[in-house]
Amino acid sequence: MPDQPPTPGVALSALLADRELGLRGLHAAQEVEGVEGVVVHAVHASEMADPSPYLLGGELLLTAGAQLGSDADGYAARLVAAGAAALGFGLAPVHEAVPPELVAACARHGLPLLEVPPGTPFTAVARTVWRLMAEARTRELRRVTEAQQALAAAAARPEPVPAVLRRLAASLGGRVVLVPGGAGSGGSREVREAGRAVPAGAAAAQEALLARVAAPGGPATATDSAAGWHLSAYALGGGPVPHPAPAPHQPGGPAQETTPAPDVAPAPAPVLGVAVPERTAGDHAITAIAAVLLGLLTTRRPAGTEAAALTRLLLGGDPAEALAGAGPWRVVHARGAGDPQALAGALGTVLMDAHGPGPRLLTDRDPAPQPGWRLGVSAPAAPGALATADAQARRALERAEAARTPLARHSEGGLPGLLDPAEARAHAEALLAPLTRAQTATLRGWLAHHGSWDRSAAALGVHRNTVRQRIARCAVLLGRDLDDPDTRMELWFALRTLDSGGNSPVT
């Protein structure tokens, strides 16, 4: 099952179109251009003179104006500063009409203002928002499921790579590009494209993004935007030897250094580029499915590497000699309720010991997290150092289970040891400066629990919707895509840097 997309918000125009609610937009009297693009993520009712401290951003605030007072301009300004999406003003019993000074104040500050008729309870507005959000989420889940099935069917066709690219482009409504690494599927090194045309500025930015990810030591994923288009690039996994440089982009664990054998050159990985005019909640899940399929279809590996090593081991009995000429090798310890054989297949190996508390595997690939499993991964090791690698994988699995993370890697010092403390702290303070104390604390808890709304809410002692809305507000204030693993890791290291300095804003 693919990752579930987050719950999308509700367009304010959809609420105005609901005849049963009878809401009326007062935009004709405002200097704002309707409600196009205004999205509501929550509903909050308050009669306080200043409800802004209780807003997380993205709310439709409902009020009857009982404590409005004479400072309508300050009231509207505070709501805008708190990130309110719109203001709904209920008529009767306090006011027979929306006060003209409030209409003018909302117009000055660009705050959409709705008139709620006397026959519409505030709870009816809230229920309509939750219903529309649930319907939108159901549609998005159905879209992701249908895309998953279509991509799987495309991967089974005689020419699977172009079929998957065409299906991905159609599912996203955008343009996709596959840049080969070493030899692609069938030995082809042709750049493949599918989907609609993009503006010249977006095309140039996408080429730069693809080059960044494809470069030796480049990130595993990267995002950008240009000419109104959202761009992303994904390394699909390539040659057997990673570039000998820190790899902070690796998902599931801290940075790691690997050193290739002197006589083996790193093979570049294929890179998938995606450009969409409007990014929806399910796009990330759909693209992730396609990236897995394309990675399997385009990565060429030596035939029978593990099987040949197993045969030499059985015949000769010397592990170092049996595994020579391949690798470097990683030991993986696993815990979970899944099928060990399926896990071995996903990690691209036949070298597995399924006895004991959990499977132990030996692979020449760099493992990624696997659904239903917790993995501990050793550092890359030569055949003669596999006993040490086995102990590393065992300890890494213990850390993964303690942290409830799907994958942990062995590390020696990690990325913080490579950074200048003063520069790291200055960068962290600048990066997190737009966030309030509560938003920073929520972001830290959410990242620590790997994006789990329920576990984050339990740890912070708040409702899961509060976590969702704070994280959505953090994404807006930071101007970052929090679905991007690179972004999540940068923010996590920034938070950890401030923690270690003894004067962290995290509470």
Protein backbone atom coordinates (compact mmCIF):
# COMPACT_ATOMS: atom_id res chain seq x y z
CA MET A 1 0.00 0.00 0.00
CA PRO A 2 1.53 3.37 -0.96
CA ASP A 3 2.06 6.14 1.55
CA GLN A 4 -1.24 7.84 2.28
CA PRO A 5 -1.42 11.44 1.09
CA PRO A 6 -2.12 14.12 3.69
CA THR A 7 -5.65 15.46 4.01
CA PRO A 8 -6.10 18.30 1.51
CA GLY A 9 -7.75 21.52 2.54
CA VAL A 10 -11.12 22.83 1.34
CA ALA A 11 -11.40 25.65 -1.19
CA LEU A 12 -13.28 28.58 0.27
CA SER A 13 -15.17 28.80 -3.02
CA ALA A 14 -16.63 25.33 -2.32
CA LEU A 15 -18.18 26.61 0.91
CA LEU A 16 -19.66 29.60 -0.89
CA ALA A 17 -21.12 27.26 -3.50
CA ASP A 18 -22.96 25.20 -0.83
CA ARG A 19 -26.53 26.50 -1.03
CA GLU A 20 -27.59 24.90 2.25
CA LEU A 21 -25.09 27.03 4.14
CA GLY A 22 -26.12 30.22 2.37
CA LEU A 23 -22.78 31.93 2.94
CA ARG A 24 -22.20 35.18 1.10
CA GLY A 25 -18.81 36.61 0.18
CA LEU A 26 -18.46 40.33 0.74
CA HIS A 27 -15.71 40.73 -1.83
CA ALA A 28 -17.58 43.26 -3.93
CA ALA A 29 -16.90 45.75 -1.14
CA GLN A 30 -13.28 44.69 -0.74
CA GLU A 31 -10.10 45.36 -2.65
CA VAL A 32 -9.42 41.64 -3.01
CA GLU A 33 -9.98 39.44 -6.05
CA GLY A 34 -12.57 36.94 -4.86
CA VAL A 35 -11.61 33.80 -3.03
CA GLU A 36 -9.73 31.92 -5.75
CA GLY A 37 -6.82 30.04 -4.22
CA VAL A 38 -8.00 30.49 -0.61
CA VAL A 39 -7.93 27.12 1.18
CA VAL A 40 -9.38 26.31 4.59
CA HIS A 41 -7.69 23.68 6.76
CA ALA A 42 -9.79 24.06 9.91
CA VAL A 43 -12.76 25.89 11.43
CA HIS A 44 -12.59 27.79 14.72
CA ALA A 45 -15.33 29.78 16.46
CA SER A 46 -14.42 32.51 18.94
CA GLU A 47 -15.99 35.61 20.46
CA MET A 48 -12.72 36.80 21.98
CA ALA A 49 -11.54 40.32 21.22
CA ASP A 50 -8.21 38.81 20.13
CA PRO A 51 -8.43 35.13 19.14
CA SER A 52 -5.12 35.20 17.24
CA PRO A 53 -3.09 33.41 19.99
CA TYR A 54 -5.35 30.39 19.54
CA LEU A 55 -4.96 30.10 15.78
CA LEU A 56 -2.46 27.84 14.02
CA GLY A 57 -2.98 29.19 10.51
CA GLY A 58 -5.33 28.19 7.74
CA GLU A 59 -8.53 28.52 9.81
CA LEU A 60 -11.92 29.88 8.86
CA LEU A 61 -12.65 31.90 12.00
CA LEU A 62 -16.34 32.23 12.84
CA THR A 63 -17.61 35.01 15.11
CA ALA A 64 -20.83 36.86 15.91
CA GLY A 65 -18.81 39.97 16.83
CA ALA A 66 -19.81 40.00 20.52
CA GLN A 67 -16.39 41.38 21.53
CA LEU A 68 -15.47 43.11 18.30
CA GLY A 69 -15.16 46.57 19.84
CA SER A 70 -14.14 49.67 17.95
CA ASP A 71 -10.75 48.45 16.69
CA ALA A 72 -11.90 46.52 13.63
CA ASP A 73 -8.66 47.30 11.80
CA GLY A 74 -6.49 45.85 14.56
CA TYR A 75 -8.77 42.82 14.78
CA ALA A 76 -8.37 42.06 11.05
CA ALA A 77 -4.63 42.75 11.14
CA ARG A 78 -4.10 40.31 14.01
CA LEU A 79 -6.04 37.57 12.21
CA VAL A 80 -3.96 38.01 9.06
CA ALA A 81 -0.73 37.92 11.08
CA ALA A 82 -1.88 34.66 12.72
CA GLY A 83 -2.45 33.10 9.29
CA ALA A 84 -6.26 32.91 9.31
CA ALA A 85 -7.61 31.89 5.91
CA ALA A 86 -10.88 33.80 6.18
CA LEU A 87 -13.38 35.37 8.59
CA GLY A 88 -17.03 34.32 8.78
CA PHE A 89 -19.34 36.82 10.48
CA GLY A 90 -22.64 35.49 11.84
CA LEU A 91 -25.66 37.77 11.70
CA ALA A 92 -28.02 38.09 14.71
CA PRO A 93 -28.39 38.26 17.62
CA VAL A 94 -25.52 40.76 18.10
CA HIS A 95 -25.34 42.46 14.72
CA GLU A 96 -28.06 42.76 12.09
CA ALA A 97 -25.44 43.35 9.40
CA VAL A 98 -21.67 43.03 9.08
CA PRO A 99 -20.19 46.26 10.47
CA PRO A 100 -18.95 48.47 7.59
CA GLU A 101 -15.71 49.22 9.45
CA LEU A 102 -14.97 45.47 9.59
CA VAL A 103 -15.66 45.10 5.86
CA ALA A 104 -13.27 47.96 5.14
CA ALA A 105 -10.61 46.57 7.51
CA CYS A 106 -10.74 43.11 5.91
CA ALA A 107 -10.44 44.74 2.48
CA ARG A 108 -7.35 46.69 3.57
CA HIS A 109 -5.63 43.61 4.94
CA GLY A 110 -6.73 41.20 2.21
CA LEU A 111 -8.72 38.95 4.56
CA PRO A 112 -11.66 37.19 2.84
CA LEU A 113 -14.90 38.00 4.69
CA LEU A 114 -18.05 35.85 4.60
CA GLU A 115 -21.51 36.65 5.85
CA VAL A 116 -23.13 33.75 7.74
CA PRO A 117 -26.95 34.05 7.67
CA PRO A 118 -28.96 33.72 10.89
CA GLY A 119 -30.32 30.30 9.93
CA THR A 120 -26.85 28.70 9.55
CA PRO A 121 -25.30 27.40 12.79
CA PHE A 122 -21.53 27.63 13.04
CA THR A 123 -21.45 23.87 13.62
CA ALA A 124 -23.06 23.36 10.20
CA VAL A 125 -20.18 25.26 8.60
CA ALA A 126 -17.63 23.15 10.51
CA ARG A 127 -19.34 19.87 9.56
CA THR A 128 -19.38 20.88 5.91
CA VAL A 129 -15.64 21.58 6.01
CA TRP A 130 -14.87 18.19 7.60
CA ARG A 131 -17.14 16.44 5.09
CA LEU A 132 -15.48 18.11 2.12
CA MET A 133 -12.04 17.28 3.53
CA ALA A 134 -13.01 13.63 3.95
CA GLU A 135 -14.36 13.49 0.40
CA ALA A 136 -11.18 15.07 -0.96
CA ARG A 137 -9.02 12.60 0.93
CA THR A 138 -11.07 9.67 -0.36
CA ARG A 139 -10.71 10.94 -3.93
CA GLU A 140 -6.97 11.32 -3.49
CA LEU A 141 -6.57 7.84 -2.01
CA ARG A 142 -8.59 6.39 -4.88
CA ARG A 143 -6.42 8.30 -7.33
CA VAL A 144 -3.23 6.95 -5.77
CA THR A 145 -4.56 3.38 -5.78
CA GLU A 146 -5.65 3.59 -9.42
CA ALA A 147 -2.29 5.08 -10.39
CA GLN A 148 -0.48 2.28 -8.56
CA GLN A 149 -2.43 -0.34 -10.49
CA ALA A 150 -1.88 1.43 -13.80
CA LEU A 151 1.86 1.78 -13.19
CA ALA A 152 2.17 -1.90 -12.28
CA ALA A 153 0.34 -2.84 -15.48
CA ALA A 154 2.61 -0.56 -17.51
CA ALA A 155 5.70 -2.17 -15.98
CA ALA A 156 4.53 -5.57 -17.29
CA ARG A 157 4.37 -4.43 -20.94
CA PRO A 158 6.96 -5.43 -23.57
CA GLU A 159 8.63 -1.98 -23.39
CA PRO A 160 8.10 -1.21 -19.71
CA VAL A 161 10.22 1.92 -19.21
CA PRO A 162 8.47 4.20 -21.74
CA ALA A 163 5.12 2.72 -20.69
CA VAL A 164 5.73 3.58 -17.02
CA LEU A 165 6.89 7.08 -17.95
CA ARG A 166 3.78 7.72 -20.05
CA ARG A 167 1.52 6.41 -17.30
CA LEU A 168 3.28 8.53 -14.65
CA ALA A 169 3.00 11.67 -16.77
CA ALA A 170 -0.72 11.01 -17.32
CA SER A 171 -1.34 10.37 -13.62
CA LEU A 172 0.42 13.59 -12.58
CA GLY A 173 -0.77 15.75 -15.45
CA GLY A 174 2.78 16.95 -16.06
CA ARG A 175 6.09 16.06 -17.69
CA VAL A 176 8.54 13.34 -16.68
CA VAL A 177 12.13 12.78 -17.82
CA LEU A 178 14.37 9.77 -17.29
CA VAL A 179 18.09 10.45 -17.61
CA PRO A 180 20.14 7.23 -17.81
CA GLY A 181 23.05 6.62 -15.49
CA GLY A 182 25.35 3.85 -16.60
CA ALA A 183 23.64 1.49 -19.03
CA GLY A 184 19.88 1.67 -18.81
CA SER A 185 17.37 -1.06 -19.49
CA GLY A 186 18.58 -3.03 -22.49
CA GLY A 187 21.78 -0.99 -22.58
CA SER A 188 20.06 2.17 -23.78
CA ARG A 189 21.52 5.53 -22.75
CA GLU A 190 18.74 7.56 -24.36
CA VAL A 191 17.07 10.33 -22.38
CA ARG A 192 13.37 9.49 -22.32
CA GLU A 193 10.53 11.98 -21.89
CA ALA A 194 6.76 11.80 -21.61
CA GLY A 195 3.86 14.15 -20.94
CA ARG A 196 2.99 17.74 -21.72
CA ALA A 197 5.32 20.56 -22.65
CA VAL A 198 6.59 22.90 -19.94
CA PRO A 199 7.60 26.58 -20.11
CA ALA A 200 11.18 27.28 -21.11
CA GLY A 201 12.09 28.56 -17.65
CA ALA A 202 10.75 25.43 -15.99
CA ALA A 203 12.52 23.19 -18.51
CA ALA A 204 15.86 24.89 -17.84
CA ALA A 205 15.37 24.63 -14.08
CA GLN A 206 14.49 20.96 -14.40
CA GLU A 207 17.67 20.27 -16.38
CA ALA A 208 19.72 21.94 -13.65
CA LEU A 209 17.92 19.92 -10.98
CA LEU A 210 18.54 16.65 -12.85
CA ALA A 211 22.21 17.51 -13.23
CA ARG A 212 22.48 18.25 -9.51
CA VAL A 213 21.05 14.88 -8.51
CA ALA A 214 22.99 13.00 -11.20
CA ALA A 215 26.33 14.54 -10.18
CA PRO A 216 28.70 12.36 -8.12
CA GLY A 217 27.89 12.88 -4.46
CA GLY A 218 24.66 14.67 -5.36
CA PRO A 219 21.48 14.37 -3.26
CA ALA A 220 19.13 11.41 -3.63
CA THR A 221 16.20 13.79 -4.14
CA ALA A 222 15.82 17.51 -4.77
CA THR A 223 12.97 19.94 -5.41
CA ASP A 224 12.61 23.35 -7.01
CA SER A 225 10.00 25.55 -8.68
CA ALA A 226 10.11 27.77 -11.75
CA ALA A 227 7.61 29.50 -14.02
CA GLY A 228 4.79 28.34 -11.75
CA TRP A 229 5.74 24.65 -12.08
CA HIS A 230 6.80 22.34 -9.25
CA LEU A 231 9.95 20.33 -10.02
CA SER A 232 11.50 17.28 -8.36
CA ALA A 233 14.26 14.80 -9.17
CA TYR A 234 14.98 11.32 -7.78
CA ALA A 235 18.10 9.16 -8.07
CA LEU A 236 16.91 5.64 -8.89
CA GLY A 237 19.97 3.73 -7.65
CA GLY A 238 22.78 2.74 -9.94
CA GLY A 239 26.18 1.13 -9.84
CA PRO A 240 27.50 -1.15 -7.12
CA VAL A 241 29.84 1.41 -5.57
CA PRO A 242 28.61 4.70 -4.07
CA HIS A 243 30.59 7.90 -4.48
CA PRO A 244 33.30 8.24 -1.79
CA ALA A 245 31.81 11.29 -0.10
CA PRO A 246 29.41 12.02 2.74
CA ALA A 247 25.89 11.08 1.71
CA PRO A 248 23.55 13.09 3.96
CA HIS A 249 20.73 12.56 1.50
CA GLN A 250 20.46 8.81 2.20
CA PRO A 251 16.99 8.13 3.63
CA GLY A 252 16.64 6.30 6.91
CA GLY A 253 19.90 7.11 8.64
CA PRO A 254 22.79 9.47 9.30
CA ALA A 255 25.47 10.38 6.82
CA GLN A 256 28.03 7.78 5.91
CA GLU A 257 31.31 7.66 4.03
CA THR A 258 32.12 4.80 1.71
CA THR A 259 35.31 4.16 -0.20
CA PRO A 260 35.18 2.29 -3.49
CA ALA A 261 37.78 -0.25 -4.47
CA PRO A 262 40.63 1.47 -6.36
CA ASP A 263 39.96 -0.51 -9.54
CA VAL A 264 36.16 0.02 -9.60
CA ALA A 265 34.72 3.36 -10.74
CA PRO A 266 31.38 4.58 -9.38
CA ALA A 267 28.56 4.04 -11.85
CA PRO A 268 26.15 6.98 -12.09
CA ALA A 269 22.54 6.32 -11.25
CA PRO A 270 19.53 6.93 -13.49
CA VAL A 271 17.61 10.04 -12.48
CA LEU A 272 13.85 10.62 -12.72
CA GLY A 273 12.64 14.18 -13.17
CA VAL A 274 9.04 15.27 -12.58
CA ALA A 275 7.42 18.63 -13.42
CA VAL A 276 3.80 19.39 -12.50
CA PRO A 277 1.87 22.67 -12.81
CA GLU A 278 0.00 22.07 -9.55
CA ARG A 279 1.21 19.69 -6.86
CA THR A 280 -1.50 17.65 -5.14
CA ALA A 281 -1.41 15.63 -1.94
CA GLY A 282 -1.07 12.25 -3.69
CA ASP A 283 1.62 13.20 -6.22
CA HIS A 284 4.45 12.24 -3.88
CA ALA A 285 3.04 8.74 -3.30
CA ILE A 286 2.43 8.16 -7.02
CA THR A 287 5.92 9.34 -7.95
CA ALA A 288 7.46 7.13 -5.26
CA ILE A 289 5.72 4.07 -6.73
CA ALA A 290 6.96 4.91 -10.22
CA ALA A 291 10.50 5.54 -8.95
CA VAL A 292 10.64 2.07 -7.39
CA LEU A 293 9.43 0.45 -10.61
CA LEU A 294 11.82 2.45 -12.80
CA GLY A 295 14.70 1.69 -10.44
CA LEU A 296 14.05 -2.03 -10.88
CA LEU A 297 13.67 -1.68 -14.65
CA THR A 298 16.72 0.50 -15.37
CA THR A 299 19.39 -0.74 -12.95
CA ARG A 300 21.70 -3.32 -14.48
CA ARG A 301 23.59 -5.50 -12.04
CA PRO A 302 26.06 -8.33 -12.64
CA ALA A 303 24.04 -11.48 -13.30
CA GLY A 304 24.22 -14.09 -10.58
CA THR A 305 26.54 -12.14 -8.27
CA GLU A 306 25.07 -13.48 -5.03
CA ALA A 307 24.32 -16.93 -6.42
CA ALA A 308 27.89 -17.25 -7.70
CA ALA A 309 29.25 -16.15 -4.31
CA LEU A 310 27.06 -18.72 -2.54
CA THR A 311 28.26 -21.46 -4.90
CA ARG A 312 31.93 -20.57 -4.31
CA LEU A 313 31.32 -20.53 -0.57
CA LEU A 314 29.75 -24.00 -0.62
CA LEU A 315 32.54 -25.40 -2.77
CA GLY A 316 35.50 -23.66 -1.18
CA GLY A 317 34.39 -22.83 2.35
CA ASP A 318 36.34 -19.55 2.47
CA PRO A 319 34.00 -16.53 2.81
CA ALA A 320 36.65 -13.98 1.88
CA GLU A 321 37.53 -15.86 -1.29
CA ALA A 322 33.90 -16.64 -2.16
CA LEU A 323 32.83 -13.01 -1.98
CA ALA A 324 35.92 -11.55 -3.63
CA GLY A 325 35.35 -9.47 -6.73
CA ALA A 326 31.93 -8.21 -5.69
CA GLY A 327 30.61 -5.82 -3.11
CA PRO A 328 31.28 -3.85 -1.03
CA TRP A 329 28.95 -5.84 1.21
CA ARG A 330 26.44 -4.68 3.79
CA VAL A 331 25.02 -6.84 6.53
CA VAL A 332 21.34 -6.25 7.30
CA HIS A 333 19.53 -7.37 10.47
CA ALA A 334 15.73 -7.26 10.25
CA ARG A 335 12.70 -7.51 12.53
CA GLY A 336 9.15 -7.69 11.27
CA ALA A 337 6.17 -9.83 10.43
CA GLY A 338 6.66 -9.90 6.67
CA ASP A 339 7.91 -12.61 4.35
CA PRO A 340 11.71 -12.94 4.67
CA GLN A 341 11.98 -14.14 1.07
CA ALA A 342 10.13 -11.06 -0.14
CA LEU A 343 12.48 -8.92 1.96
CA ALA A 344 15.50 -10.60 0.39
CA GLY A 345 14.05 -9.96 -3.05
CA ALA A 346 13.44 -6.31 -2.25
CA LEU A 347 17.06 -5.95 -1.07
CA GLY A 348 18.32 -7.72 -4.19
CA THR A 349 20.05 -10.68 -2.55
CA VAL A 350 19.76 -14.45 -2.09
CA LEU A 351 22.21 -14.47 0.82
CA MET A 352 19.93 -14.70 3.84
CA ASP A 353 19.87 -16.51 7.18
CA ALA A 354 16.19 -16.72 8.17
CA HIS A 355 16.82 -18.54 11.45
CA GLY A 356 16.99 -16.80 14.82
CA PRO A 357 15.09 -13.76 16.13
CA GLY A 358 14.99 -12.19 12.68
CA PRO A 359 16.51 -12.54 9.21
CA ARG A 360 20.13 -11.60 8.58
CA LEU A 361 21.05 -10.70 5.04
CA LEU A 362 24.16 -9.93 3.03
CA THR A 363 23.75 -7.60 0.05
CA ASP A 364 25.89 -5.53 -2.27
CA ARG A 365 23.12 -2.93 -2.56
CA ASP A 366 22.51 0.06 -0.32
CA PRO A 367 19.26 -0.93 1.43
CA ALA A 368 16.25 1.36 1.65
CA PRO A 369 13.43 1.12 4.23
CA GLN A 370 11.00 -1.72 3.58
CA PRO A 371 7.31 -1.75 4.58
CA GLY A 372 6.61 -3.90 7.63
CA TRP A 373 10.28 -4.19 8.65
CA ARG A 374 12.80 -2.49 10.90
CA LEU A 375 16.30 -2.73 9.46
CA GLY A 376 19.77 -2.29 10.89
CA VAL A 377 22.43 -1.80 8.22
CA SER A 378 26.19 -2.08 8.62
CA ALA A 379 28.80 0.09 6.98
CA PRO A 380 30.10 -1.23 3.61
CA ALA A 381 32.60 -3.98 4.36
CA ALA A 382 35.15 -6.11 2.58
CA PRO A 383 34.65 -9.90 2.75
CA GLY A 384 37.22 -10.23 5.51
CA ALA A 385 35.39 -7.75 7.77
CA LEU A 386 31.91 -9.29 7.73
CA ALA A 387 32.02 -10.34 11.40
CA THR A 388 32.49 -6.69 12.38
CA ALA A 389 29.77 -5.65 9.94
CA ASP A 390 27.41 -8.21 11.50
CA ALA A 391 27.90 -6.62 14.93
CA GLN A 392 27.36 -3.16 13.42
CA ALA A 393 24.06 -4.26 11.85
CA ARG A 394 22.87 -5.76 15.14
CA ARG A 395 23.56 -2.52 17.03
CA ALA A 396 21.95 -0.46 14.25
CA LEU A 397 18.80 -2.59 14.50
CA GLU A 398 18.69 -2.00 18.26
CA ARG A 399 18.77 1.76 17.58
CA ALA A 400 16.06 1.45 14.94
CA GLU A 401 13.79 -0.42 17.35
CA ALA A 402 14.45 2.03 20.18
CA ALA A 403 13.72 5.02 17.95
CA ARG A 404 10.84 3.26 16.15
CA THR A 405 12.38 4.14 12.83
CA PRO A 406 12.20 1.82 9.80
CA LEU A 407 15.95 1.85 9.15
CA ALA A 408 19.12 2.77 11.02
CA ARG A 409 22.66 2.67 9.68
CA HIS A 410 25.97 2.21 11.41
CA SER A 411 27.81 5.49 11.66
CA GLU A 412 31.15 6.69 12.96
CA GLY A 413 30.63 10.18 14.35
CA GLY A 414 28.00 11.15 11.80
CA LEU A 415 27.50 14.40 9.90
CA PRO A 416 27.64 16.77 12.92
CA GLY A 417 31.29 15.86 13.39
CA LEU A 418 32.08 17.20 9.92
CA LEU A 419 30.55 20.65 10.47
CA ASP A 420 31.92 23.78 12.09
CA PRO A 421 29.76 24.27 15.25
CA ALA A 422 29.50 28.07 14.90
CA GLU A 423 28.56 27.93 11.21
CA ALA A 424 26.10 25.12 11.85
CA ARG A 425 24.40 27.06 14.64
CA ALA A 426 24.21 30.26 12.59
CA HIS A 427 22.63 28.35 9.73
CA ALA A 428 20.17 26.63 12.10
CA GLU A 429 19.08 29.91 13.70
CA ALA A 430 18.53 31.56 10.32
CA LEU A 431 16.67 28.56 8.94
CA LEU A 432 14.27 28.25 11.89
CA ALA A 433 13.84 31.98 12.57
CA PRO A 434 10.35 32.24 10.97
CA LEU A 435 8.87 29.69 13.39
CA THR A 436 7.29 30.37 16.77
CA ARG A 437 8.28 28.35 19.83
CA ALA A 438 5.19 26.14 19.54
CA GLN A 439 5.73 25.55 15.82
CA THR A 440 9.39 24.66 16.40
CA ALA A 441 8.46 22.18 19.13
CA THR A 442 5.83 20.61 16.91
CA LEU A 443 8.24 20.34 13.97
CA ARG A 444 10.83 18.66 16.16
CA GLY A 445 8.32 16.15 17.53
CA TRP A 446 6.92 15.44 14.07
CA LEU A 447 10.36 14.81 12.58
CA ALA A 448 11.39 12.68 15.56
CA HIS A 449 8.37 10.47 14.94
CA HIS A 450 8.99 10.29 11.19
CA GLY A 451 5.88 12.19 10.18
CA SER A 452 3.43 10.12 12.23
CA TRP A 453 0.53 12.39 13.17
CA ASP A 454 -0.76 10.14 15.96
CA ARG A 455 2.59 9.47 17.64
CA SER A 456 3.61 13.13 17.33
CA ALA A 457 0.32 14.26 18.85
CA ALA A 458 0.68 11.80 21.76
CA ALA A 459 4.24 12.93 22.49
CA LEU A 460 3.30 16.62 22.36
CA GLY A 461 0.02 16.21 24.27
CA VAL A 462 -2.10 17.85 21.56
CA HIS A 463 -4.71 16.70 19.05
CA ARG A 464 -3.48 15.20 15.77
CA ASN A 465 -5.26 17.96 13.81
CA THR A 466 -3.24 20.49 15.76
CA VAL A 467 -0.06 18.74 14.63
CA ARG A 468 -1.28 18.71 11.00
CA GLN A 469 -2.12 22.39 10.99
CA ARG A 470 1.11 23.46 12.70
CA ILE A 471 3.20 21.42 10.26
CA ALA A 472 1.28 22.90 7.31
CA ARG A 473 1.97 26.37 8.70
CA CYS A 474 5.68 25.50 9.18
CA ALA A 475 5.89 24.50 5.51
CA VAL A 476 4.42 27.87 4.48
CA LEU A 477 6.65 29.92 6.78
CA LEU A 478 9.81 28.04 5.82
CA GLY A 479 8.93 27.91 2.14
CA ARG A 480 10.01 24.27 2.07
CA ASP A 481 8.52 20.99 0.85
CA LEU A 482 8.36 18.88 4.04
CA ASP A 483 7.76 15.74 1.95
CA ASP A 484 11.33 16.07 0.63
CA PRO A 485 13.75 13.84 2.63
CA ASP A 486 16.54 16.38 2.06
CA THR A 487 14.42 19.12 3.63
CA ARG A 488 13.44 16.95 6.57
CA MET A 489 17.06 16.02 7.26
CA GLU A 490 18.27 19.62 7.03
CA LEU A 491 15.59 20.75 9.47
CA TRP A 492 16.35 17.86 11.84
CA PHE A 493 20.07 18.70 11.95
CA ALA A 494 19.22 22.37 12.48
CA LEU A 495 17.01 21.47 15.45
CA ARG A 496 19.66 19.13 16.87
CA THR A 497 22.29 21.83 16.46
CA LEU A 498 20.23 24.29 18.50
CA ASP A 499 19.55 21.59 21.11
CA SER A 500 23.25 20.90 21.57
CA GLY A 501 23.97 24.62 21.98
CA GLY A 502 22.04 24.76 25.27
CA ASN A 503 19.79 27.61 24.18
CA SER A 504 17.29 25.83 21.98
CA PRO A 505 13.92 27.32 21.14
CA VAL A 506 12.45 23.84 21.28
CA THR A 507 10.25 23.29 24.31
